[in-house]
Amino acid sequence: MNDLRTFLHGLPAFERFPEKQLDMLLNNLRLEDYDANQALVTQDYQGPGLYVIVAGTVEVSRRNASGELEQEPREARDGEVVGLLSLVDNMPSPETCTTKGRVTAAVLTPERFNTLFLVAPTIAHQLQYMVAVQLARDLQEKNKSLRKGLARQKPGSLLERLFGK
């Protein structure tokens, strides 16, 4: 656990927290190992938790309603967080996160996240802030996608709009 504390303390999101606060977070994390090609989070479904990647690579992809990739998949590596929106009740994931090889991750379930509010509110608030940033980023991406779709639609002629052809 000391190695995980040092690892977390080295991450920008947690570097300003004293060891006592980090210990509260550590007490609510579960260190898990995953094999290659395991889906940690599946798009359009509530994720089981937030994953802080300790070692390995996770592919993050997003598909549109037709099942086509919206953008090139990106890779999340050591120190990055995936499945952040799993901490929000009834929030389906906007992306799928799949292990590319063996991955070790520290997992925080929604139940444990709620416990953090009681034992380490400053850490819980930091995670809430990270959720808000992720939601804003996703909203911007969706807005950009909708604007692209509207730009592709050719408006009908005046007669077509008046008489509904």
N, C-alpha and C. Protein backbone atom coordinates (compact mmCIF):
# COMPACT_ATOMS: atom_id res chain seq x y z
N MET A 1 0.82 -1.21 0.00
CA MET A 1 0.00 0.00 0.00
C MET A 1 0.86 1.27 0.00
N ASN A 2 2.06 1.19 0.59
CA ASN A 2 2.94 2.36 0.58
C ASN A 2 3.31 2.76 -0.83
N ASP A 3 3.54 1.75 -1.70
CA ASP A 3 3.86 2.05 -3.09
C ASP A 3 2.69 2.75 -3.78
N LEU A 4 1.48 2.30 -3.49
CA LEU A 4 0.30 2.92 -4.08
C LEU A 4 0.12 4.35 -3.55
N ARG A 5 0.40 4.56 -2.27
CA ARG A 5 0.31 5.91 -1.69
C ARG A 5 1.29 6.84 -2.41
N THR A 6 2.52 6.37 -2.60
CA THR A 6 3.54 7.17 -3.29
C THR A 6 3.10 7.44 -4.73
N PHE A 7 2.54 6.41 -5.39
CA PHE A 7 2.06 6.56 -6.77
C PHE A 7 0.97 7.63 -6.84
N LEU A 8 -0.03 7.51 -5.97
CA LEU A 8 -1.15 8.48 -5.96
C LEU A 8 -0.66 9.88 -5.62
N HIS A 9 0.23 9.98 -4.66
CA HIS A 9 0.73 11.29 -4.24
C HIS A 9 1.49 11.98 -5.38
N GLY A 10 2.02 11.20 -6.31
CA GLY A 10 2.73 11.75 -7.46
C GLY A 10 1.81 12.21 -8.58
N LEU A 11 0.52 11.91 -8.49
CA LEU A 11 -0.43 12.33 -9.52
C LEU A 11 -0.92 13.75 -9.23
N PRO A 12 -1.04 14.58 -10.27
CA PRO A 12 -1.47 15.97 -10.06
C PRO A 12 -2.78 16.11 -9.29
N ALA A 13 -3.70 15.19 -9.48
CA ALA A 13 -5.01 15.29 -8.81
C ALA A 13 -4.91 15.10 -7.30
N PHE A 14 -3.86 14.42 -6.84
CA PHE A 14 -3.77 14.08 -5.42
C PHE A 14 -2.50 14.58 -4.74
N GLU A 15 -1.64 15.29 -5.45
CA GLU A 15 -0.35 15.67 -4.89
C GLU A 15 -0.44 16.64 -3.72
N ARG A 16 -1.51 17.40 -3.64
CA ARG A 16 -1.59 18.41 -2.56
C ARG A 16 -2.20 17.88 -1.26
N PHE A 17 -2.63 16.62 -1.28
CA PHE A 17 -3.28 16.06 -0.10
C PHE A 17 -2.27 15.44 0.86
N PRO A 18 -2.46 15.67 2.17
CA PRO A 18 -1.56 15.05 3.15
C PRO A 18 -1.75 13.53 3.17
N GLU A 19 -0.76 12.83 3.73
CA GLU A 19 -0.78 11.37 3.75
C GLU A 19 -2.03 10.82 4.46
N LYS A 20 -2.48 11.49 5.50
CA LYS A 20 -3.67 11.01 6.23
C LYS A 20 -4.89 10.97 5.29
N GLN A 21 -5.05 12.01 4.47
CA GLN A 21 -6.16 12.03 3.51
C GLN A 21 -5.99 10.93 2.46
N LEU A 22 -4.76 10.78 1.97
CA LEU A 22 -4.50 9.72 0.98
C LEU A 22 -4.75 8.34 1.57
N ASP A 23 -4.45 8.16 2.85
CA ASP A 23 -4.73 6.88 3.50
C ASP A 23 -6.23 6.58 3.48
N MET A 24 -7.04 7.59 3.67
CA MET A 24 -8.50 7.40 3.61
C MET A 24 -8.92 6.95 2.21
N LEU A 25 -8.31 7.56 1.20
CA LEU A 25 -8.59 7.12 -0.18
C LEU A 25 -8.11 5.69 -0.38
N LEU A 26 -6.90 5.40 0.05
CA LEU A 26 -6.35 4.04 -0.10
C LEU A 26 -7.23 2.99 0.56
N ASN A 27 -7.80 3.33 1.72
CA ASN A 27 -8.68 2.39 2.42
C ASN A 27 -9.95 2.09 1.63
N ASN A 28 -10.28 2.93 0.68
CA ASN A 28 -11.50 2.74 -0.10
C ASN A 28 -11.23 2.25 -1.52
N LEU A 29 -9.96 2.12 -1.87
CA LEU A 29 -9.59 1.58 -3.18
C LEU A 29 -9.34 0.08 -3.10
N ARG A 30 -9.53 -0.57 -4.23
CA ARG A 30 -9.23 -2.00 -4.34
C ARG A 30 -8.25 -2.15 -5.51
N LEU A 31 -7.10 -2.74 -5.29
CA LEU A 31 -6.12 -2.95 -6.34
C LEU A 31 -6.47 -4.23 -7.08
N GLU A 32 -6.65 -4.13 -8.40
CA GLU A 32 -7.08 -5.28 -9.21
C GLU A 32 -6.16 -5.45 -10.40
N ASP A 33 -5.97 -6.71 -10.82
CA ASP A 33 -5.24 -7.03 -12.04
C ASP A 33 -6.23 -7.52 -13.08
N TYR A 34 -6.02 -7.11 -14.33
CA TYR A 34 -6.90 -7.48 -15.43
C TYR A 34 -6.08 -8.05 -16.58
N ASP A 35 -6.64 -9.04 -17.26
CA ASP A 35 -6.00 -9.61 -18.43
C ASP A 35 -6.27 -8.74 -19.65
N ALA A 36 -5.61 -9.04 -20.75
CA ALA A 36 -5.80 -8.30 -21.99
C ALA A 36 -7.24 -8.45 -22.50
N ASN A 37 -7.72 -7.43 -23.16
CA ASN A 37 -9.03 -7.40 -23.82
C ASN A 37 -10.21 -7.50 -22.87
N GLN A 38 -10.05 -7.04 -21.65
CA GLN A 38 -11.18 -7.00 -20.71
C GLN A 38 -11.80 -5.62 -20.75
N ALA A 39 -13.13 -5.57 -20.88
CA ALA A 39 -13.84 -4.30 -20.85
C ALA A 39 -14.02 -3.89 -19.39
N LEU A 40 -13.42 -2.78 -19.02
CA LEU A 40 -13.59 -2.25 -17.67
C LEU A 40 -14.91 -1.49 -17.58
N VAL A 41 -15.17 -0.71 -18.63
CA VAL A 41 -16.39 0.10 -18.71
C VAL A 41 -16.93 -0.05 -20.13
N THR A 42 -18.24 -0.19 -20.26
CA THR A 42 -18.86 -0.36 -21.56
C THR A 42 -19.77 0.84 -21.85
N GLN A 43 -19.60 1.39 -23.05
CA GLN A 43 -20.39 2.56 -23.46
C GLN A 43 -21.88 2.26 -23.32
N ASP A 44 -22.62 3.26 -22.87
CA ASP A 44 -24.07 3.24 -22.69
C ASP A 44 -24.54 2.44 -21.47
N TYR A 45 -23.62 1.96 -20.65
CA TYR A 45 -23.97 1.25 -19.42
C TYR A 45 -23.28 1.92 -18.24
N GLN A 46 -23.91 1.83 -17.08
CA GLN A 46 -23.32 2.34 -15.85
C GLN A 46 -22.06 1.54 -15.56
N GLY A 47 -20.94 2.22 -15.39
CA GLY A 47 -19.69 1.52 -15.08
C GLY A 47 -19.65 1.06 -13.64
N PRO A 48 -18.85 0.02 -13.35
CA PRO A 48 -18.75 -0.49 -11.99
C PRO A 48 -17.90 0.36 -11.06
N GLY A 49 -17.11 1.27 -11.62
CA GLY A 49 -16.27 2.11 -10.77
C GLY A 49 -15.30 2.94 -11.57
N LEU A 50 -14.56 3.75 -10.84
CA LEU A 50 -13.49 4.57 -11.39
C LEU A 50 -12.22 3.73 -11.33
N TYR A 51 -11.38 3.82 -12.36
CA TYR A 51 -10.14 3.06 -12.42
C TYR A 51 -8.97 4.02 -12.54
N VAL A 52 -8.05 3.97 -11.59
CA VAL A 52 -6.78 4.70 -11.70
C VAL A 52 -5.79 3.66 -12.22
N ILE A 53 -5.28 3.87 -13.42
CA ILE A 53 -4.37 2.89 -14.02
C ILE A 53 -3.02 3.00 -13.33
N VAL A 54 -2.61 1.92 -12.72
CA VAL A 54 -1.33 1.87 -12.01
C VAL A 54 -0.25 1.36 -12.96
N ALA A 55 -0.58 0.36 -13.77
CA ALA A 55 0.37 -0.18 -14.75
C ALA A 55 -0.41 -0.75 -15.92
N GLY A 56 0.04 -0.42 -17.13
CA GLY A 56 -0.61 -0.96 -18.32
C GLY A 56 -1.26 0.12 -19.16
N THR A 57 -2.00 -0.35 -20.17
CA THR A 57 -2.64 0.56 -21.13
C THR A 57 -4.10 0.15 -21.33
N VAL A 58 -4.97 1.13 -21.37
CA VAL A 58 -6.40 0.92 -21.61
C VAL A 58 -6.79 1.71 -22.85
N GLU A 59 -7.48 1.04 -23.78
CA GLU A 59 -7.97 1.73 -24.97
C GLU A 59 -9.35 2.32 -24.65
N VAL A 60 -9.50 3.60 -24.98
CA VAL A 60 -10.76 4.31 -24.72
C VAL A 60 -11.36 4.66 -26.07
N SER A 61 -12.57 4.14 -26.33
CA SER A 61 -13.21 4.39 -27.62
C SER A 61 -14.65 4.82 -27.41
N ARG A 62 -15.16 5.50 -28.44
CA ARG A 62 -16.53 6.03 -28.39
C ARG A 62 -17.17 5.79 -29.75
N ARG A 63 -18.38 5.25 -29.75
CA ARG A 63 -19.08 4.96 -31.01
C ARG A 63 -20.35 5.81 -31.09
N ASN A 64 -20.75 6.12 -32.33
CA ASN A 64 -21.99 6.86 -32.52
C ASN A 64 -23.17 5.89 -32.54
N ALA A 65 -24.37 6.40 -32.78
CA ALA A 65 -25.58 5.57 -32.75
C ALA A 65 -25.55 4.48 -33.82
N SER A 66 -24.80 4.70 -34.90
CA SER A 66 -24.68 3.70 -35.97
C SER A 66 -23.63 2.65 -35.67
N GLY A 67 -22.92 2.80 -34.55
CA GLY A 67 -21.89 1.84 -34.19
C GLY A 67 -20.52 2.15 -34.76
N GLU A 68 -20.41 3.28 -35.46
CA GLU A 68 -19.12 3.66 -36.04
C GLU A 68 -18.32 4.45 -35.00
N LEU A 69 -16.99 4.30 -35.07
CA LEU A 69 -16.15 5.06 -34.16
C LEU A 69 -16.34 6.55 -34.41
N GLU A 70 -16.57 7.32 -33.34
CA GLU A 70 -16.72 8.77 -33.46
C GLU A 70 -15.39 9.45 -33.68
N GLN A 71 -14.35 8.86 -33.12
CA GLN A 71 -13.01 9.41 -33.24
C GLN A 71 -12.04 8.25 -33.05
N GLU A 72 -10.79 8.49 -33.36
CA GLU A 72 -9.78 7.46 -33.15
C GLU A 72 -9.72 7.12 -31.66
N PRO A 73 -9.63 5.83 -31.34
CA PRO A 73 -9.49 5.47 -29.92
C PRO A 73 -8.21 6.09 -29.36
N ARG A 74 -8.26 6.42 -28.08
CA ARG A 74 -7.07 6.95 -27.42
C ARG A 74 -6.62 5.94 -26.39
N GLU A 75 -5.39 6.09 -25.95
CA GLU A 75 -4.86 5.18 -24.95
C GLU A 75 -4.69 5.92 -23.62
N ALA A 76 -5.13 5.28 -22.57
CA ALA A 76 -4.92 5.79 -21.21
C ALA A 76 -3.85 4.91 -20.57
N ARG A 77 -2.89 5.56 -19.93
CA ARG A 77 -1.74 4.84 -19.36
C ARG A 77 -1.59 5.12 -17.87
N ASP A 78 -0.49 4.64 -17.32
CA ASP A 78 -0.20 4.77 -15.89
C ASP A 78 -0.52 6.18 -15.38
N GLY A 79 -1.30 6.24 -14.32
CA GLY A 79 -1.63 7.50 -13.68
C GLY A 79 -2.90 8.15 -14.20
N GLU A 80 -3.43 7.65 -15.31
CA GLU A 80 -4.66 8.23 -15.85
C GLU A 80 -5.88 7.54 -15.24
N VAL A 81 -6.99 8.23 -15.30
CA VAL A 81 -8.24 7.75 -14.72
C VAL A 81 -9.23 7.48 -15.85
N VAL A 82 -9.90 6.32 -15.80
CA VAL A 82 -10.98 6.00 -16.72
C VAL A 82 -12.19 5.58 -15.90
N GLY A 83 -13.37 5.69 -16.50
CA GLY A 83 -14.59 5.30 -15.81
C GLY A 83 -15.04 6.29 -14.76
N LEU A 84 -14.60 7.52 -14.88
CA LEU A 84 -14.89 8.54 -13.87
C LEU A 84 -16.39 8.75 -13.67
N LEU A 85 -17.16 8.70 -14.75
CA LEU A 85 -18.60 8.97 -14.63
C LEU A 85 -19.35 7.82 -13.96
N SER A 86 -18.66 6.72 -13.68
CA SER A 86 -19.27 5.62 -12.93
C SER A 86 -19.65 6.06 -11.52
N LEU A 87 -19.03 7.15 -11.07
CA LEU A 87 -19.32 7.63 -9.71
C LEU A 87 -20.65 8.37 -9.63
N VAL A 88 -21.26 8.67 -10.77
CA VAL A 88 -22.53 9.39 -10.81
C VAL A 88 -23.66 8.37 -10.96
N ASP A 89 -24.64 8.41 -10.06
CA ASP A 89 -25.77 7.48 -10.12
C ASP A 89 -26.49 7.57 -11.46
N ASN A 90 -26.80 6.40 -12.02
CA ASN A 90 -27.58 6.30 -13.26
C ASN A 90 -26.98 7.06 -14.43
N MET A 91 -25.65 7.12 -14.50
CA MET A 91 -24.98 7.82 -15.59
C MET A 91 -24.31 6.78 -16.49
N PRO A 92 -24.89 6.54 -17.67
CA PRO A 92 -24.24 5.58 -18.57
C PRO A 92 -22.91 6.15 -19.08
N SER A 93 -21.97 5.26 -19.30
CA SER A 93 -20.66 5.69 -19.76
C SER A 93 -20.72 6.16 -21.21
N PRO A 94 -20.03 7.25 -21.54
CA PRO A 94 -20.00 7.73 -22.92
C PRO A 94 -18.96 6.99 -23.77
N GLU A 95 -18.20 6.06 -23.14
CA GLU A 95 -17.12 5.40 -23.86
C GLU A 95 -16.90 3.99 -23.32
N THR A 96 -16.19 3.20 -24.11
CA THR A 96 -15.80 1.86 -23.69
C THR A 96 -14.31 1.89 -23.38
N CYS A 97 -13.93 1.28 -22.27
CA CYS A 97 -12.53 1.23 -21.84
C CYS A 97 -12.13 -0.23 -21.76
N THR A 98 -11.16 -0.63 -22.61
CA THR A 98 -10.75 -2.02 -22.73
C THR A 98 -9.25 -2.14 -22.51
N THR A 99 -8.84 -3.13 -21.73
CA THR A 99 -7.41 -3.33 -21.47
C THR A 99 -6.73 -3.79 -22.76
N LYS A 100 -5.52 -3.27 -22.99
CA LYS A 100 -4.76 -3.65 -24.20
C LYS A 100 -3.74 -4.74 -23.89
N GLY A 101 -3.51 -5.01 -22.68
CA GLY A 101 -2.58 -6.03 -22.20
C GLY A 101 -2.90 -6.21 -20.73
N ARG A 102 -1.99 -6.78 -19.98
CA ARG A 102 -2.24 -6.87 -18.54
C ARG A 102 -2.25 -5.47 -17.94
N VAL A 103 -3.22 -5.22 -17.09
CA VAL A 103 -3.39 -3.90 -16.46
C VAL A 103 -3.61 -4.09 -14.97
N THR A 104 -2.96 -3.23 -14.20
CA THR A 104 -3.23 -3.14 -12.77
C THR A 104 -3.88 -1.79 -12.54
N ALA A 105 -4.99 -1.79 -11.82
CA ALA A 105 -5.72 -0.54 -11.58
C ALA A 105 -6.23 -0.51 -10.15
N ALA A 106 -6.29 0.69 -9.60
CA ALA A 106 -6.91 0.92 -8.30
C ALA A 106 -8.36 1.31 -8.58
N VAL A 107 -9.29 0.56 -8.04
CA VAL A 107 -10.71 0.72 -8.35
C VAL A 107 -11.44 1.37 -7.18
N LEU A 108 -12.26 2.37 -7.51
CA LEU A 108 -13.11 3.02 -6.52
C LEU A 108 -14.56 2.84 -6.97
N THR A 109 -15.32 2.08 -6.21
CA THR A 109 -16.73 1.86 -6.54
C THR A 109 -17.56 3.07 -6.11
N PRO A 110 -18.75 3.23 -6.69
CA PRO A 110 -19.62 4.34 -6.26
C PRO A 110 -19.93 4.30 -4.76
N GLU A 111 -20.11 3.12 -4.20
CA GLU A 111 -20.40 2.99 -2.76
C GLU A 111 -19.22 3.51 -1.93
N ARG A 112 -18.01 3.15 -2.33
CA ARG A 112 -16.82 3.60 -1.62
C ARG A 112 -16.60 5.11 -1.80
N PHE A 113 -16.97 5.61 -2.98
CA PHE A 113 -16.90 7.05 -3.24
C PHE A 113 -17.80 7.79 -2.25
N ASN A 114 -19.01 7.28 -2.03
CA ASN A 114 -19.92 7.90 -1.07
C ASN A 114 -19.35 7.86 0.35
N THR A 115 -18.65 6.80 0.68
CA THR A 115 -18.00 6.69 2.00
C THR A 115 -16.94 7.78 2.16
N LEU A 116 -16.24 8.10 1.08
CA LEU A 116 -15.20 9.13 1.15
C LEU A 116 -15.74 10.48 1.63
N PHE A 117 -16.99 10.78 1.33
CA PHE A 117 -17.57 12.05 1.78
C PHE A 117 -17.59 12.14 3.30
N LEU A 118 -17.70 10.99 3.96
CA LEU A 118 -17.72 10.98 5.41
C LEU A 118 -16.33 11.01 6.02
N VAL A 119 -15.39 10.30 5.41
CA VAL A 119 -14.06 10.15 6.02
C VAL A 119 -12.99 11.06 5.42
N ALA A 120 -13.17 11.48 4.17
CA ALA A 120 -12.17 12.34 3.51
C ALA A 120 -12.87 13.25 2.51
N PRO A 121 -13.67 14.21 3.02
CA PRO A 121 -14.46 15.05 2.12
C PRO A 121 -13.63 15.83 1.10
N THR A 122 -12.41 16.23 1.45
CA THR A 122 -11.62 17.00 0.47
C THR A 122 -11.23 16.13 -0.72
N ILE A 123 -10.94 14.88 -0.49
CA ILE A 123 -10.64 13.95 -1.60
C ILE A 123 -11.91 13.72 -2.42
N ALA A 124 -13.03 13.52 -1.74
CA ALA A 124 -14.30 13.30 -2.45
C ALA A 124 -14.65 14.51 -3.30
N HIS A 125 -14.41 15.70 -2.78
CA HIS A 125 -14.70 16.91 -3.56
C HIS A 125 -13.78 17.03 -4.76
N GLN A 126 -12.53 16.61 -4.61
CA GLN A 126 -11.60 16.61 -5.76
C GLN A 126 -12.12 15.68 -6.85
N LEU A 127 -12.62 14.52 -6.45
CA LEU A 127 -13.18 13.58 -7.43
C LEU A 127 -14.44 14.15 -8.07
N GLN A 128 -15.26 14.85 -7.28
CA GLN A 128 -16.45 15.51 -7.84
C GLN A 128 -16.05 16.54 -8.89
N TYR A 129 -15.02 17.29 -8.60
CA TYR A 129 -14.51 18.28 -9.55
C TYR A 129 -14.06 17.59 -10.84
N MET A 130 -13.37 16.46 -10.71
CA MET A 130 -12.93 15.71 -11.88
C MET A 130 -14.12 15.21 -12.70
N VAL A 131 -15.19 14.80 -12.02
CA VAL A 131 -16.42 14.38 -12.71
C VAL A 131 -17.01 15.56 -13.48
N ALA A 132 -17.06 16.74 -12.84
CA ALA A 132 -17.61 17.93 -13.50
C ALA A 132 -16.80 18.29 -14.75
N VAL A 133 -15.50 18.20 -14.66
CA VAL A 133 -14.64 18.50 -15.82
C VAL A 133 -14.92 17.50 -16.94
N GLN A 134 -15.05 16.21 -16.58
CA GLN A 134 -15.34 15.18 -17.58
C GLN A 134 -16.70 15.42 -18.24
N LEU A 135 -17.70 15.78 -17.44
CA LEU A 135 -19.03 16.06 -18.01
C LEU A 135 -18.98 17.26 -18.97
N ALA A 136 -18.25 18.28 -18.60
CA ALA A 136 -18.11 19.46 -19.47
C ALA A 136 -17.41 19.08 -20.77
N ARG A 137 -16.37 18.27 -20.67
CA ARG A 137 -15.64 17.82 -21.86
C ARG A 137 -16.56 17.00 -22.77
N ASP A 138 -17.34 16.09 -22.18
CA ASP A 138 -18.26 15.27 -22.96
C ASP A 138 -19.34 16.11 -23.62
N LEU A 139 -19.83 17.12 -22.91
CA LEU A 139 -20.84 18.02 -23.47
C LEU A 139 -20.28 18.79 -24.66
N GLN A 140 -19.05 19.24 -24.55
CA GLN A 140 -18.41 19.95 -25.67
C GLN A 140 -18.26 19.02 -26.88
N GLU A 141 -17.85 17.77 -26.63
CA GLU A 141 -17.70 16.81 -27.73
C GLU A 141 -19.04 16.54 -28.41
N LYS A 142 -20.10 16.38 -27.62
CA LYS A 142 -21.43 16.10 -28.17
C LYS A 142 -21.91 17.30 -28.98
N ASN A 143 -21.69 18.50 -28.46
CA ASN A 143 -22.07 19.72 -29.17
C ASN A 143 -21.33 19.80 -30.51
N LYS A 144 -20.05 19.51 -30.50
CA LYS A 144 -19.24 19.54 -31.72
C LYS A 144 -19.76 18.52 -32.73
N SER A 145 -20.11 17.34 -32.26
CA SER A 145 -20.64 16.28 -33.12
C SER A 145 -21.99 16.69 -33.72
N LEU A 146 -22.84 17.28 -32.91
CA LEU A 146 -24.15 17.73 -33.41
C LEU A 146 -24.00 18.84 -34.45
N ARG A 147 -23.08 19.75 -34.22
CA ARG A 147 -22.84 20.83 -35.18
C ARG A 147 -22.34 20.29 -36.51
N LYS A 148 -21.48 19.27 -36.45
CA LYS A 148 -20.99 18.64 -37.69
C LYS A 148 -22.16 18.03 -38.45
N GLY A 149 -23.03 17.32 -37.72
CA GLY A 149 -24.19 16.69 -38.33
C GLY A 149 -25.12 17.70 -38.98
N LEU A 150 -25.35 18.82 -38.31
CA LEU A 150 -26.21 19.86 -38.87
C LEU A 150 -25.58 20.50 -40.10
N ALA A 151 -24.27 20.67 -40.08
CA ALA A 151 -23.59 21.29 -41.21
C ALA A 151 -23.68 20.41 -42.46
N ARG A 152 -23.75 19.08 -42.26
CA ARG A 152 -23.85 18.16 -43.40
C ARG A 152 -25.23 18.15 -44.03
N GLN A 153 -26.24 18.52 -43.27
CA GLN A 153 -27.60 18.52 -43.81
C GLN A 153 -27.79 19.73 -44.70
N LYS A 154 -28.24 19.47 -45.90
CA LYS A 154 -28.48 20.55 -46.85
C LYS A 154 -29.91 21.05 -46.63
N PRO A 155 -30.07 22.34 -46.39
CA PRO A 155 -31.44 22.84 -46.21
C PRO A 155 -32.22 22.74 -47.52
N GLY A 156 -33.49 22.44 -47.42
CA GLY A 156 -34.34 22.34 -48.60
C GLY A 156 -34.60 23.72 -49.19
N SER A 157 -35.11 23.70 -50.40
CA SER A 157 -35.46 24.96 -51.05
C SER A 157 -36.63 25.59 -50.31
N LEU A 158 -36.91 26.85 -50.63
CA LEU A 158 -38.02 27.55 -49.99
C LEU A 158 -39.33 26.82 -50.27
N LEU A 159 -39.53 26.35 -51.48
CA LEU A 159 -40.76 25.63 -51.82
C LEU A 159 -40.87 24.32 -51.04
N GLU A 160 -39.75 23.61 -50.91
CA GLU A 160 -39.77 22.36 -50.15
C GLU A 160 -40.11 22.63 -48.69
N ARG A 161 -39.56 23.69 -48.16
CA ARG A 161 -39.85 24.02 -46.75
C ARG A 161 -41.30 24.48 -46.57
N LEU A 162 -41.84 25.20 -47.55
CA LEU A 162 -43.22 25.69 -47.44
C LEU A 162 -44.23 24.57 -47.65
N PHE A 163 -43.98 23.70 -48.62
CA PHE A 163 -44.97 22.68 -48.97
C PHE A 163 -44.60 21.27 -48.53
N GLY A 164 -43.46 21.16 -47.82
CA GLY A 164 -43.09 19.87 -47.25
C GLY A 164 -42.90 18.76 -48.23
N LYS A 165 -41.95 18.87 -49.12
CA LYS A 165 -41.70 17.80 -50.07
C LYS A 165 -40.85 16.74 -49.49
